[in-house]
Amino acid sequence: MGLLIGIMRRQQLTMMKSTLSWQLMLIANAMSQATEANKQLMAVGTDYESDSMLSKKLQQRQYKFKLLEEKLALQKEDITTRLQAVETELKSVNEMIQNAISEVFTYKAA
């Protein structure tokens, strides 16, 4: 019974690991896009006077991009932590499966 449960749990954990890895890749991609957009705004912002209305709007957008980058960094940290927990549990389940297999197929001579 433990072997079957272990195999089912391993399958669930593998799917969770795949999903978390995908989310991590999406967040990394979004972070790089936000960083690039912020750099472009900074380059454009130097062309205007600091007290102009357009310059102030650009500064607001830069601030929003900075907040977005921070939010994405927190999400990345959370997903990384969850991914590490899944990997740890996956190792434990694999050990449980190996132990169950060795118990089933160990021949005892009397």
PDB file of N, CA and C in Angstrom:
ATOM      1  N   MET A   1       0.820  -1.197   0.000  1.00  0.00           N
ATOM      2  CA  MET A   1       0.000   0.000   0.000  1.00  0.00           C
ATOM      3  C   MET A   1       0.868   1.268   0.000  1.00  0.00           C
ATOM      4  N   GLY A   2       1.942   1.270   0.760  1.00  0.00           N
ATOM      5  CA  GLY A   2       2.813   2.432   0.828  1.00  0.00           C
ATOM      6  C   GLY A   2       3.484   2.743  -0.496  1.00  0.00           C
ATOM      7  N   LEU A   3       3.754   1.676  -1.260  1.00  0.00           N
ATOM      8  CA  LEU A   3       4.386   1.863  -2.555  1.00  0.00           C
ATOM      9  C   LEU A   3       3.454   2.596  -3.508  1.00  0.00           C
ATOM     10  N   LEU A   4       2.212   2.207  -3.552  1.00  0.00           N
ATOM     11  CA  LEU A   4       1.244   2.845  -4.444  1.00  0.00           C
ATOM     12  C   LEU A   4       1.026   4.313  -4.070  1.00  0.00           C
ATOM     13  N   ILE A   5       0.903   4.573  -2.788  1.00  0.00           N
ATOM     14  CA  ILE A   5       0.726   5.953  -2.321  1.00  0.00           C
ATOM     15  C   ILE A   5       1.965   6.784  -2.646  1.00  0.00           C
ATOM     16  N   GLY A   6       3.128   6.205  -2.474  1.00  0.00           N
ATOM     17  CA  GLY A   6       4.366   6.904  -2.788  1.00  0.00           C
ATOM     18  C   GLY A   6       4.470   7.261  -4.261  1.00  0.00           C
ATOM     19  N   ILE A   7       4.072   6.324  -5.123  1.00  0.00           N
ATOM     20  CA  ILE A   7       4.131   6.579  -6.562  1.00  0.00           C
ATOM     21  C   ILE A   7       3.142   7.676  -6.947  1.00  0.00           C
ATOM     22  N   MET A   8       1.950   7.643  -6.372  1.00  0.00           N
ATOM     23  CA  MET A   8       0.953   8.682  -6.676  1.00  0.00           C
ATOM     24  C   MET A   8       1.429  10.048  -6.179  1.00  0.00           C
ATOM     25  N   ARG A   9       2.000  10.076  -4.983  1.00  0.00           N
ATOM     26  CA  ARG A   9       2.491  11.343  -4.432  1.00  0.00           C
ATOM     27  C   ARG A   9       3.662  11.879  -5.254  1.00  0.00           C
ATOM     28  N   ARG A  10       4.524  10.975  -5.720  1.00  0.00           N
ATOM     29  CA  ARG A  10       5.642  11.406  -6.548  1.00  0.00           C
ATOM     30  C   ARG A  10       5.139  12.052  -7.845  1.00  0.00           C
ATOM     31  N   GLN A  11       4.091  11.490  -8.400  1.00  0.00           N
ATOM     32  CA  GLN A  11       3.525  12.054  -9.620  1.00  0.00           C
ATOM     33  C   GLN A  11       2.959  13.456  -9.352  1.00  0.00           C
ATOM     34  N   GLN A  12       2.251  13.620  -8.230  1.00  0.00           N
ATOM     35  CA  GLN A  12       1.726  14.942  -7.855  1.00  0.00           C
ATOM     36  C   GLN A  12       2.854  15.941  -7.653  1.00  0.00           C
ATOM     37  N   LEU A  13       3.880  15.543  -6.945  1.00  0.00           N
ATOM     38  CA  LEU A  13       5.007  16.432  -6.663  1.00  0.00           C
ATOM     39  C   LEU A  13       5.753  16.809  -7.938  1.00  0.00           C
ATOM     40  N   THR A  14       5.858  15.873  -8.862  1.00  0.00           N
ATOM     41  CA  THR A  14       6.522  16.174 -10.127  1.00  0.00           C
ATOM     42  C   THR A  14       5.727  17.218 -10.905  1.00  0.00           C
ATOM     43  N   MET A  15       4.407  17.100 -10.900  1.00  0.00           N
ATOM     44  CA  MET A  15       3.574  18.093 -11.576  1.00  0.00           C
ATOM     45  C   MET A  15       3.680  19.455 -10.890  1.00  0.00           C
ATOM     46  N   MET A  16       3.696  19.456  -9.556  1.00  0.00           N
ATOM     47  CA  MET A  16       3.842  20.708  -8.814  1.00  0.00           C
ATOM     48  C   MET A  16       5.185  21.359  -9.113  1.00  0.00           C
ATOM     49  N   LYS A  17       6.233  20.553  -9.168  1.00  0.00           N
ATOM     50  CA  LYS A  17       7.565  21.069  -9.458  1.00  0.00           C
ATOM     51  C   LYS A  17       7.610  21.694 -10.842  1.00  0.00           C
ATOM     52  N   SER A  18       6.990  21.035 -11.796  1.00  0.00           N
ATOM     53  CA  SER A  18       6.942  21.556 -13.155  1.00  0.00           C
ATOM     54  C   SER A  18       6.187  22.884 -13.208  1.00  0.00           C
ATOM     55  N   THR A  19       5.059  22.958 -12.529  1.00  0.00           N
ATOM     56  CA  THR A  19       4.255  24.190 -12.500  1.00  0.00           C
ATOM     57  C   THR A  19       5.028  25.333 -11.848  1.00  0.00           C
ATOM     58  N   LEU A  20       5.660  25.059 -10.732  1.00  0.00           N
ATOM     59  CA  LEU A  20       6.428  26.089 -10.039  1.00  0.00           C
ATOM     60  C   LEU A  20       7.618  26.555 -10.870  1.00  0.00           C
ATOM     61  N   SER A  21       8.260  25.626 -11.550  1.00  0.00           N
ATOM     62  CA  SER A  21       9.393  26.010 -12.414  1.00  0.00           C
ATOM     63  C   SER A  21       8.915  26.904 -13.547  1.00  0.00           C
ATOM     64  N   TRP A  22       7.755  26.593 -14.100  1.00  0.00           N
ATOM     65  CA  TRP A  22       7.186  27.406 -15.176  1.00  0.00           C
ATOM     66  C   TRP A  22       6.864  28.814 -14.656  1.00  0.00           C
ATOM     67  N   GLN A  23       6.248  28.886 -13.483  1.00  0.00           N
ATOM     68  CA  GLN A  23       5.925  30.187 -12.891  1.00  0.00           C
ATOM     69  C   GLN A  23       7.191  30.988 -12.627  1.00  0.00           C
ATOM     70  N   LEU A  24       8.223  30.327 -12.178  1.00  0.00           N
ATOM     71  CA  LEU A  24       9.494  30.995 -11.907  1.00  0.00           C
ATOM     72  C   LEU A  24      10.088  31.561 -13.193  1.00  0.00           C
ATOM     73  N   MET A  25       9.979  30.813 -14.271  1.00  0.00           N
ATOM     74  CA  MET A  25      10.487  31.291 -15.550  1.00  0.00           C
ATOM     75  C   MET A  25       9.679  32.506 -16.030  1.00  0.00           C
ATOM     76  N   LEU A  26       8.355  32.473 -15.859  1.00  0.00           N
ATOM     77  CA  LEU A  26       7.523  33.599 -16.264  1.00  0.00           C
ATOM     78  C   LEU A  26       7.849  34.856 -15.462  1.00  0.00           C
ATOM     79  N   ILE A  27       8.076  34.687 -14.174  1.00  0.00           N
ATOM     80  CA  ILE A  27       8.415  35.831 -13.326  1.00  0.00           C
ATOM     81  C   ILE A  27       9.766  36.403 -13.722  1.00  0.00           C
ATOM     82  N   ALA A  28      10.729  35.541 -13.988  1.00  0.00           N
ATOM     83  CA  ALA A  28      12.048  36.032 -14.415  1.00  0.00           C
ATOM     84  C   ALA A  28      11.940  36.803 -15.727  1.00  0.00           C
ATOM     85  N   ASN A  29      11.112  36.314 -16.626  1.00  0.00           N
ATOM     86  CA  ASN A  29      10.900  36.996 -17.903  1.00  0.00           C
ATOM     87  C   ASN A  29      10.227  38.357 -17.679  1.00  0.00           C
ATOM     88  N   ALA A  30       9.218  38.387 -16.826  1.00  0.00           N
ATOM     89  CA  ALA A  30       8.529  39.646 -16.538  1.00  0.00           C
ATOM     90  C   ALA A  30       9.464  40.648 -15.865  1.00  0.00           C
ATOM     91  N   MET A  31      10.331  40.152 -14.986  1.00  0.00           N
ATOM     92  CA  MET A  31      11.287  41.040 -14.320  1.00  0.00           C
ATOM     93  C   MET A  31      12.256  41.656 -15.326  1.00  0.00           C
ATOM     94  N   SER A  32      12.714  40.852 -16.262  1.00  0.00           N
ATOM     95  CA  SER A  32      13.662  41.394 -17.243  1.00  0.00           C
ATOM     96  C   SER A  32      12.977  42.403 -18.162  1.00  0.00           C
ATOM     97  N   GLN A  33      11.722  42.165 -18.509  1.00  0.00           N
ATOM     98  CA  GLN A  33      10.990  43.114 -19.340  1.00  0.00           C
ATOM     99  C   GLN A  33      10.747  44.425 -18.588  1.00  0.00           C
ATOM    100  N   ALA A  34      10.405  44.325 -17.308  1.00  0.00           N
ATOM    101  CA  ALA A  34      10.181  45.532 -16.518  1.00  0.00           C
ATOM    102  C   ALA A  34      11.473  46.326 -16.352  1.00  0.00           C
ATOM    103  N   THR A  35      12.565  45.634 -16.145  1.00  0.00           N
ATOM    104  CA  THR A  35      13.851  46.308 -16.012  1.00  0.00           C
ATOM    105  C   THR A  35      14.232  47.020 -17.308  1.00  0.00           C
ATOM    106  N   GLU A  36      14.015  46.342 -18.426  1.00  0.00           N
ATOM    107  CA  GLU A  36      14.333  46.950 -19.721  1.00  0.00           C
ATOM    108  C   GLU A  36      13.453  48.170 -19.993  1.00  0.00           C
ATOM    109  N   ALA A  37      12.164  48.066 -19.679  1.00  0.00           N
ATOM    110  CA  ALA A  37      11.261  49.198 -19.882  1.00  0.00           C
ATOM    111  C   ALA A  37      11.657  50.374 -18.991  1.00  0.00           C
ATOM    112  N   ASN A  38      12.075  50.075 -17.771  1.00  0.00           N
ATOM    113  CA  ASN A  38      12.505  51.133 -16.854  1.00  0.00           C
ATOM    114  C   ASN A  38      13.775  51.809 -17.373  1.00  0.00           C
ATOM    115  N   LYS A  39      14.686  51.038 -17.926  1.00  0.00           N
ATOM    116  CA  LYS A  39      15.911  51.623 -18.488  1.00  0.00           C
ATOM    117  C   LYS A  39      15.577  52.534 -19.666  1.00  0.00           C
ATOM    118  N   GLN A  40      14.647  52.109 -20.484  1.00  0.00           N
ATOM    119  CA  GLN A  40      14.257  52.925 -21.630  1.00  0.00           C
ATOM    120  C   GLN A  40      13.610  54.231 -21.177  1.00  0.00           C
ATOM    121  N   LEU A  41      12.784  54.148 -20.133  1.00  0.00           N
ATOM    122  CA  LEU A  41      12.175  55.373 -19.599  1.00  0.00           C
ATOM    123  C   LEU A  41      13.234  56.312 -19.034  1.00  0.00           C
ATOM    124  N   MET A  42      14.223  55.764 -18.384  1.00  0.00           N
ATOM    125  CA  MET A  42      15.277  56.602 -17.825  1.00  0.00           C
ATOM    126  C   MET A  42      16.053  57.304 -18.936  1.00  0.00           C
ATOM    127  N   ALA A  43      16.270  56.598 -20.042  1.00  0.00           N
ATOM    128  CA  ALA A  43      16.996  57.206 -21.161  1.00  0.00           C
ATOM    129  C   ALA A  43      16.181  58.330 -21.788  1.00  0.00           C
ATOM    130  N   VAL A  44      14.883  58.136 -21.902  1.00  0.00           N
ATOM    131  CA  VAL A  44      14.013  59.157 -22.489  1.00  0.00           C
ATOM    132  C   VAL A  44      13.843  60.329 -21.523  1.00  0.00           C
ATOM    133  N   GLY A  45      13.800  60.023 -20.236  1.00  0.00           N
ATOM    134  CA  GLY A  45      13.554  61.058 -19.234  1.00  0.00           C
ATOM    135  C   GLY A  45      14.631  62.105 -19.146  1.00  0.00           C
ATOM    136  N   THR A  46      15.830  61.790 -19.586  1.00  0.00           N
ATOM    137  CA  THR A  46      16.915  62.769 -19.505  1.00  0.00           C
ATOM    138  C   THR A  46      16.793  63.844 -20.580  1.00  0.00           C
ATOM    139  N   ASP A  47      15.926  63.624 -21.552  1.00  0.00           N
ATOM    140  CA  ASP A  47      15.762  64.592 -22.639  1.00  0.00           C
ATOM    141  C   ASP A  47      14.858  65.766 -22.251  1.00  0.00           C
ATOM    142  N   TYR A  48      14.155  65.665 -21.143  1.00  0.00           N
ATOM    143  CA  TYR A  48      13.187  66.689 -20.749  1.00  0.00           C
ATOM    144  C   TYR A  48      13.661  67.429 -19.502  1.00  0.00           C
ATOM    145  N   GLU A  49      13.136  68.607 -19.314  1.00  0.00           N
ATOM    146  CA  GLU A  49      13.447  69.378 -18.107  1.00  0.00           C
ATOM    147  C   GLU A  49      12.831  68.675 -16.909  1.00  0.00           C
ATOM    148  N   SER A  50      13.484  68.814 -15.775  1.00  0.00           N
ATOM    149  CA  SER A  50      13.047  68.073 -14.591  1.00  0.00           C
ATOM    150  C   SER A  50      11.706  68.548 -14.037  1.00  0.00           C
ATOM    151  N   ASP A  51      11.294  69.789 -14.324  1.00  0.00           N
ATOM    152  CA  ASP A  51      10.036  70.285 -13.781  1.00  0.00           C
ATOM    153  C   ASP A  51       8.892  70.222 -14.799  1.00  0.00           C
ATOM    154  N   SER A  52       9.104  69.637 -15.964  1.00  0.00           N
ATOM    155  CA  SER A  52       8.042  69.564 -16.966  1.00  0.00           C
ATOM    156  C   SER A  52       7.048  68.464 -16.601  1.00  0.00           C
ATOM    157  N   MET A  53       5.844  68.577 -17.119  1.00  0.00           N
ATOM    158  CA  MET A  53       4.786  67.620 -16.830  1.00  0.00           C
ATOM    159  C   MET A  53       5.141  66.231 -17.379  1.00  0.00           C
ATOM    160  N   LEU A  54       5.713  66.178 -18.548  1.00  0.00           N
ATOM    161  CA  LEU A  54       6.100  64.908 -19.149  1.00  0.00           C
ATOM    162  C   LEU A  54       7.183  64.216 -18.329  1.00  0.00           C
ATOM    163  N   SER A  55       8.105  64.993 -17.824  1.00  0.00           N
ATOM    164  CA  SER A  55       9.163  64.435 -16.995  1.00  0.00           C
ATOM    165  C   SER A  55       8.588  63.846 -15.707  1.00  0.00           C
ATOM    166  N   LYS A  56       7.605  64.520 -15.125  1.00  0.00           N
ATOM    167  CA  LYS A  56       6.977  64.007 -13.903  1.00  0.00           C
ATOM    168  C   LYS A  56       6.214  62.717 -14.170  1.00  0.00           C
ATOM    169  N   LYS A  57       5.547  62.632 -15.319  1.00  0.00           N
ATOM    170  CA  LYS A  57       4.841  61.397 -15.662  1.00  0.00           C
ATOM    171  C   LYS A  57       5.825  60.249 -15.878  1.00  0.00           C
ATOM    172  N   LEU A  58       6.947  60.551 -16.495  1.00  0.00           N
ATOM    173  CA  LEU A  58       7.965  59.526 -16.688  1.00  0.00           C
ATOM    174  C   LEU A  58       8.518  59.046 -15.351  1.00  0.00           C
ATOM    175  N   GLN A  59       8.703  59.963 -14.417  1.00  0.00           N
ATOM    176  CA  GLN A  59       9.176  59.584 -13.085  1.00  0.00           C
ATOM    177  C   GLN A  59       8.152  58.706 -12.373  1.00  0.00           C
ATOM    178  N   GLN A  60       6.867  59.009 -12.544  1.00  0.00           N
ATOM    179  CA  GLN A  60       5.818  58.184 -11.949  1.00  0.00           C
ATOM    180  C   GLN A  60       5.847  56.780 -12.538  1.00  0.00           C
ATOM    181  N   ARG A  61       6.019  56.691 -13.840  1.00  0.00           N
ATOM    182  CA  ARG A  61       6.082  55.373 -14.484  1.00  0.00           C
ATOM    183  C   ARG A  61       7.323  54.606 -14.044  1.00  0.00           C
ATOM    184  N   GLN A  62       8.427  55.306 -13.879  1.00  0.00           N
ATOM    185  CA  GLN A  62       9.634  54.650 -13.381  1.00  0.00           C
ATOM    186  C   GLN A  62       9.383  54.092 -11.982  1.00  0.00           C
ATOM    187  N   TYR A  63       8.695  54.851 -11.158  1.00  0.00           N
ATOM    188  CA  TYR A  63       8.381  54.402  -9.799  1.00  0.00           C
ATOM    189  C   TYR A  63       7.477  53.172  -9.845  1.00  0.00           C
ATOM    190  N   LYS A  64       6.492  53.182 -10.741  1.00  0.00           N
ATOM    191  CA  LYS A  64       5.594  52.029 -10.860  1.00  0.00           C
ATOM    192  C   LYS A  64       6.352  50.788 -11.332  1.00  0.00           C
ATOM    193  N   PHE A  65       7.287  50.977 -12.263  1.00  0.00           N
ATOM    194  CA  PHE A  65       8.098  49.844 -12.694  1.00  0.00           C
ATOM    195  C   PHE A  65       8.959  49.322 -11.548  1.00  0.00           C
ATOM    196  N   LYS A  66       9.468  50.220 -10.746  1.00  0.00           N
ATOM    197  CA  LYS A  66      10.275  49.812  -9.592  1.00  0.00           C
ATOM    198  C   LYS A  66       9.430  48.998  -8.613  1.00  0.00           C
ATOM    199  N   LEU A  67       8.199  49.445  -8.363  1.00  0.00           N
ATOM    200  CA  LEU A  67       7.304  48.690  -7.487  1.00  0.00           C
ATOM    201  C   LEU A  67       6.979  47.320  -8.075  1.00  0.00           C
ATOM    202  N   LEU A  68       6.769  47.280  -9.375  1.00  0.00           N
ATOM    203  CA  LEU A  68       6.494  46.012 -10.039  1.00  0.00           C
ATOM    204  C   LEU A  68       7.675  45.059  -9.906  1.00  0.00           C
ATOM    205  N   GLU A  69       8.871  45.579 -10.083  1.00  0.00           N
ATOM    206  CA  GLU A  69      10.071  44.747  -9.933  1.00  0.00           C
ATOM    207  C   GLU A  69      10.175  44.191  -8.515  1.00  0.00           C
ATOM    208  N   GLU A  70       9.872  45.010  -7.518  1.00  0.00           N
ATOM    209  CA  GLU A  70       9.928  44.550  -6.129  1.00  0.00           C
ATOM    210  C   GLU A  70       8.867  43.483  -5.866  1.00  0.00           C
ATOM    211  N   LYS A  71       7.670  43.683  -6.396  1.00  0.00           N
ATOM    212  CA  LYS A  71       6.592  42.703  -6.229  1.00  0.00           C
ATOM    213  C   LYS A  71       6.973  41.381  -6.883  1.00  0.00           C
ATOM    214  N   LEU A  72       7.534  41.453  -8.076  1.00  0.00           N
ATOM    215  CA  LEU A  72       7.956  40.242  -8.771  1.00  0.00           C
ATOM    216  C   LEU A  72       9.091  39.544  -8.027  1.00  0.00           C
ATOM    217  N   ALA A  73       9.980  40.313  -7.434  1.00  0.00           N
ATOM    218  CA  ALA A  73      11.076  39.718  -6.651  1.00  0.00           C
ATOM    219  C   ALA A  73      10.530  38.954  -5.447  1.00  0.00           C
ATOM    220  N   LEU A  74       9.510  39.505  -4.794  1.00  0.00           N
ATOM    221  CA  LEU A  74       8.890  38.809  -3.665  1.00  0.00           C
ATOM    222  C   LEU A  74       8.198  37.529  -4.122  1.00  0.00           C
ATOM    223  N   GLN A  75       7.505  37.592  -5.247  1.00  0.00           N
ATOM    224  CA  GLN A  75       6.856  36.402  -5.785  1.00  0.00           C
ATOM    225  C   GLN A  75       7.891  35.343  -6.165  1.00  0.00           C
ATOM    226  N   LYS A  76       8.988  35.797  -6.735  1.00  0.00           N
ATOM    227  CA  LYS A  76      10.056  34.868  -7.117  1.00  0.00           C
ATOM    228  C   LYS A  76      10.626  34.173  -5.888  1.00  0.00           C
ATOM    229  N   GLU A  77      10.827  34.941  -4.837  1.00  0.00           N
ATOM    230  CA  GLU A  77      11.354  34.370  -3.591  1.00  0.00           C
ATOM    231  C   GLU A  77      10.380  33.343  -3.014  1.00  0.00           C
ATOM    232  N   ASP A  78       9.081  33.661  -3.033  1.00  0.00           N
ATOM    233  CA  ASP A  78       8.058  32.747  -2.520  1.00  0.00           C
ATOM    234  C   ASP A  78       8.031  31.456  -3.331  1.00  0.00           C
ATOM    235  N   ILE A  79       8.046  31.578  -4.638  1.00  0.00           N
ATOM    236  CA  ILE A  79       7.996  30.387  -5.490  1.00  0.00           C
ATOM    237  C   ILE A  79       9.266  29.561  -5.337  1.00  0.00           C
ATOM    238  N   THR A  80      10.406  30.211  -5.192  1.00  0.00           N
ATOM    239  CA  THR A  80      11.663  29.491  -4.994  1.00  0.00           C
ATOM    240  C   THR A  80      11.615  28.684  -3.702  1.00  0.00           C
ATOM    241  N   THR A  81      11.074  29.271  -2.652  1.00  0.00           N
ATOM    242  CA  THR A  81      10.941  28.569  -1.379  1.00  0.00           C
ATOM    243  C   THR A  81      10.009  27.367  -1.516  1.00  0.00           C
ATOM    244  N   ARG A  82       8.885  27.567  -2.184  1.00  0.00           N
ATOM    245  CA  ARG A  82       7.942  26.461  -2.387  1.00  0.00           C
ATOM    246  C   ARG A  82       8.555  25.369  -3.256  1.00  0.00           C
ATOM    247  N   LEU A  83       9.335  25.756  -4.250  1.00  0.00           N
ATOM    248  CA  LEU A  83       9.990  24.782  -5.117  1.00  0.00           C
ATOM    249  C   LEU A  83      11.007  23.955  -4.335  1.00  0.00           C
ATOM    250  N   GLN A  84      11.738  24.594  -3.446  1.00  0.00           N
ATOM    251  CA  GLN A  84      12.697  23.858  -2.612  1.00  0.00           C
ATOM    252  C   GLN A  84      11.973  22.866  -1.699  1.00  0.00           C
ATOM    253  N   ALA A  85      10.813  23.274  -1.158  1.00  0.00           N
ATOM    254  CA  ALA A  85      10.041  22.370  -0.302  1.00  0.00           C
ATOM    255  C   ALA A  85       9.544  21.164  -1.096  1.00  0.00           C
ATOM    256  N   VAL A  86       9.093  21.401  -2.313  1.00  0.00           N
ATOM    257  CA  VAL A  86       8.616  20.303  -3.158  1.00  0.00           C
ATOM    258  C   VAL A  86       9.762  19.360  -3.492  1.00  0.00           C
ATOM    259  N   GLU A  87      10.927  19.909  -3.809  1.00  0.00           N
ATOM    260  CA  GLU A  87      12.080  19.067  -4.137  1.00  0.00           C
ATOM    261  C   GLU A  87      12.512  18.228  -2.932  1.00  0.00           C
ATOM    262  N   THR A  88      12.452  18.809  -1.746  1.00  0.00           N
ATOM    263  CA  THR A  88      12.797  18.066  -0.535  1.00  0.00           C
ATOM    264  C   THR A  88      11.819  16.930  -0.298  1.00  0.00           C
ATOM    265  N   GLU A  89      10.531  17.223  -0.455  1.00  0.00           N
ATOM    266  CA  GLU A  89       9.521  16.180  -0.271  1.00  0.00           C
ATOM    267  C   GLU A  89       9.656  15.109  -1.352  1.00  0.00           C
ATOM    268  N   LEU A  90      10.000  15.513  -2.549  1.00  0.00           N
ATOM    269  CA  LEU A  90      10.178  14.560  -3.647  1.00  0.00           C
ATOM    270  C   LEU A  90      11.325  13.597  -3.341  1.00  0.00           C
ATOM    271  N   LYS A  91      12.402  14.099  -2.773  1.00  0.00           N
ATOM    272  CA  LYS A  91      13.507  13.228  -2.378  1.00  0.00           C
ATOM    273  C   LYS A  91      13.054  12.229  -1.319  1.00  0.00           C
ATOM    274  N   SER A  92      12.270  12.724  -0.360  1.00  0.00           N
ATOM    275  CA  SER A  92      11.760  11.861   0.697  1.00  0.00           C
ATOM    276  C   SER A  92      10.850  10.768   0.133  1.00  0.00           C
ATOM    277  N   VAL A  93       9.985  11.137  -0.787  1.00  0.00           N
ATOM    278  CA  VAL A  93       9.072  10.163  -1.391  1.00  0.00           C
ATOM    279  C   VAL A  93       9.857   9.132  -2.202  1.00  0.00           C
ATOM    280  N   ASN A  94      10.876   9.586  -2.928  1.00  0.00           N
ATOM    281  CA  ASN A  94      11.688   8.639  -3.695  1.00  0.00           C
ATOM    282  C   ASN A  94      12.383   7.637  -2.779  1.00  0.00           C
ATOM    283  N   GLU A  95      12.856   8.095  -1.638  1.00  0.00           N
ATOM    284  CA  GLU A  95      13.468   7.184  -0.666  1.00  0.00           C
ATOM    285  C   GLU A  95      12.434   6.205  -0.132  1.00  0.00           C
ATOM    286  N   MET A  96      11.221   6.691   0.139  1.00  0.00           N
ATOM    287  CA  MET A  96      10.158   5.826   0.625  1.00  0.00           C
ATOM    288  C   MET A  96       9.817   4.756  -0.417  1.00  0.00           C
ATOM    289  N   ILE A  97       9.769   5.150  -1.678  1.00  0.00           N
ATOM    290  CA  ILE A  97       9.476   4.197  -2.746  1.00  0.00           C
ATOM    291  C   ILE A  97      10.593   3.151  -2.846  1.00  0.00           C
ATOM    292  N   GLN A  98      11.834   3.595  -2.781  1.00  0.00           N
ATOM    293  CA  GLN A  98      12.953   2.650  -2.855  1.00  0.00           C
ATOM    294  C   GLN A  98      12.935   1.669  -1.694  1.00  0.00           C
ATOM    295  N   ASN A  99      12.608   2.166  -0.500  1.00  0.00           N
ATOM    296  CA  ASN A  99      12.525   1.277   0.662  1.00  0.00           C
ATOM    297  C   ASN A  99      11.389   0.282   0.504  1.00  0.00           C
ATOM    298  N   ALA A 100      10.256   0.731  -0.018  1.00  0.00           N
ATOM    299  CA  ALA A 100       9.122  -0.165  -0.216  1.00  0.00           C
ATOM    300  C   ALA A 100       9.441  -1.226  -1.260  1.00  0.00           C
ATOM    301  N   ILE A 101      10.126  -0.832  -2.315  1.00  0.00           N
ATOM    302  CA  ILE A 101      10.509  -1.790  -3.354  1.00  0.00           C
ATOM    303  C   ILE A 101      11.487  -2.813  -2.800  1.00  0.00           C
ATOM    304  N   SER A 102      12.450  -2.354  -2.030  1.00  0.00           N
ATOM    305  CA  SER A 102      13.437  -3.300  -1.481  1.00  0.00           C
ATOM    306  C   SER A 102      12.796  -4.246  -0.478  1.00  0.00           C
ATOM    307  N   GLU A 103      11.781  -3.798   0.258  1.00  0.00           N
ATOM    308  CA  GLU A 103      11.066  -4.694   1.183  1.00  0.00           C
ATOM    309  C   GLU A 103      10.260  -5.739   0.432  1.00  0.00           C
ATOM    310  N   VAL A 104       9.638  -5.339  -0.659  1.00  0.00           N
ATOM    311  CA  VAL A 104       8.811  -6.259  -1.416  1.00  0.00           C
ATOM    312  C   VAL A 104       9.656  -7.326  -2.093  1.00  0.00           C
ATOM    313  N   PHE A 105      10.804  -6.953  -2.628  1.00  0.00           N
ATOM    314  CA  PHE A 105      11.595  -7.867  -3.419  1.00  0.00           C
ATOM    315  C   PHE A 105      12.778  -8.486  -2.663  1.00  0.00           C
ATOM    316  N   THR A 106      12.831  -8.316  -1.370  1.00  0.00           N
ATOM    317  CA  THR A 106      13.881  -8.948  -0.578  1.00  0.00           C
ATOM    318  C   THR A 106      13.435 -10.359  -0.213  1.00  0.00           C
ATOM    319  N   TYR A 107      14.227 -11.319  -0.589  1.00  0.00           N
ATOM    320  CA  TYR A 107      13.908 -12.717  -0.301  1.00  0.00           C
ATOM    321  C   TYR A 107      14.576 -13.115   1.002  1.00  0.00           C
ATOM    322  N   LYS A 108      13.783 -13.730   1.840  1.00  0.00           N
ATOM    323  CA  LYS A 108      14.301 -14.165   3.134  1.00  0.00           C
ATOM    324  C   LYS A 108      14.370 -15.684   3.138  1.00  0.00           C
ATOM    325  N   ALA A 109      15.561 -16.168   3.263  1.00  0.00           N
ATOM    326  CA  ALA A 109      15.736 -17.625   3.339  1.00  0.00           C
ATOM    327  C   ALA A 109      15.688 -18.023   4.802  1.00  0.00           C
ATOM    328  N   ALA A 110      14.876 -19.012   5.111  1.00  0.00           N
ATOM    329  CA  ALA A 110      14.729 -19.439   6.491  1.00  0.00           C
ATOM    330  C   ALA A 110      15.745 -20.456   6.883  1.00  0.00           C
TER     331      ALA A 110
END
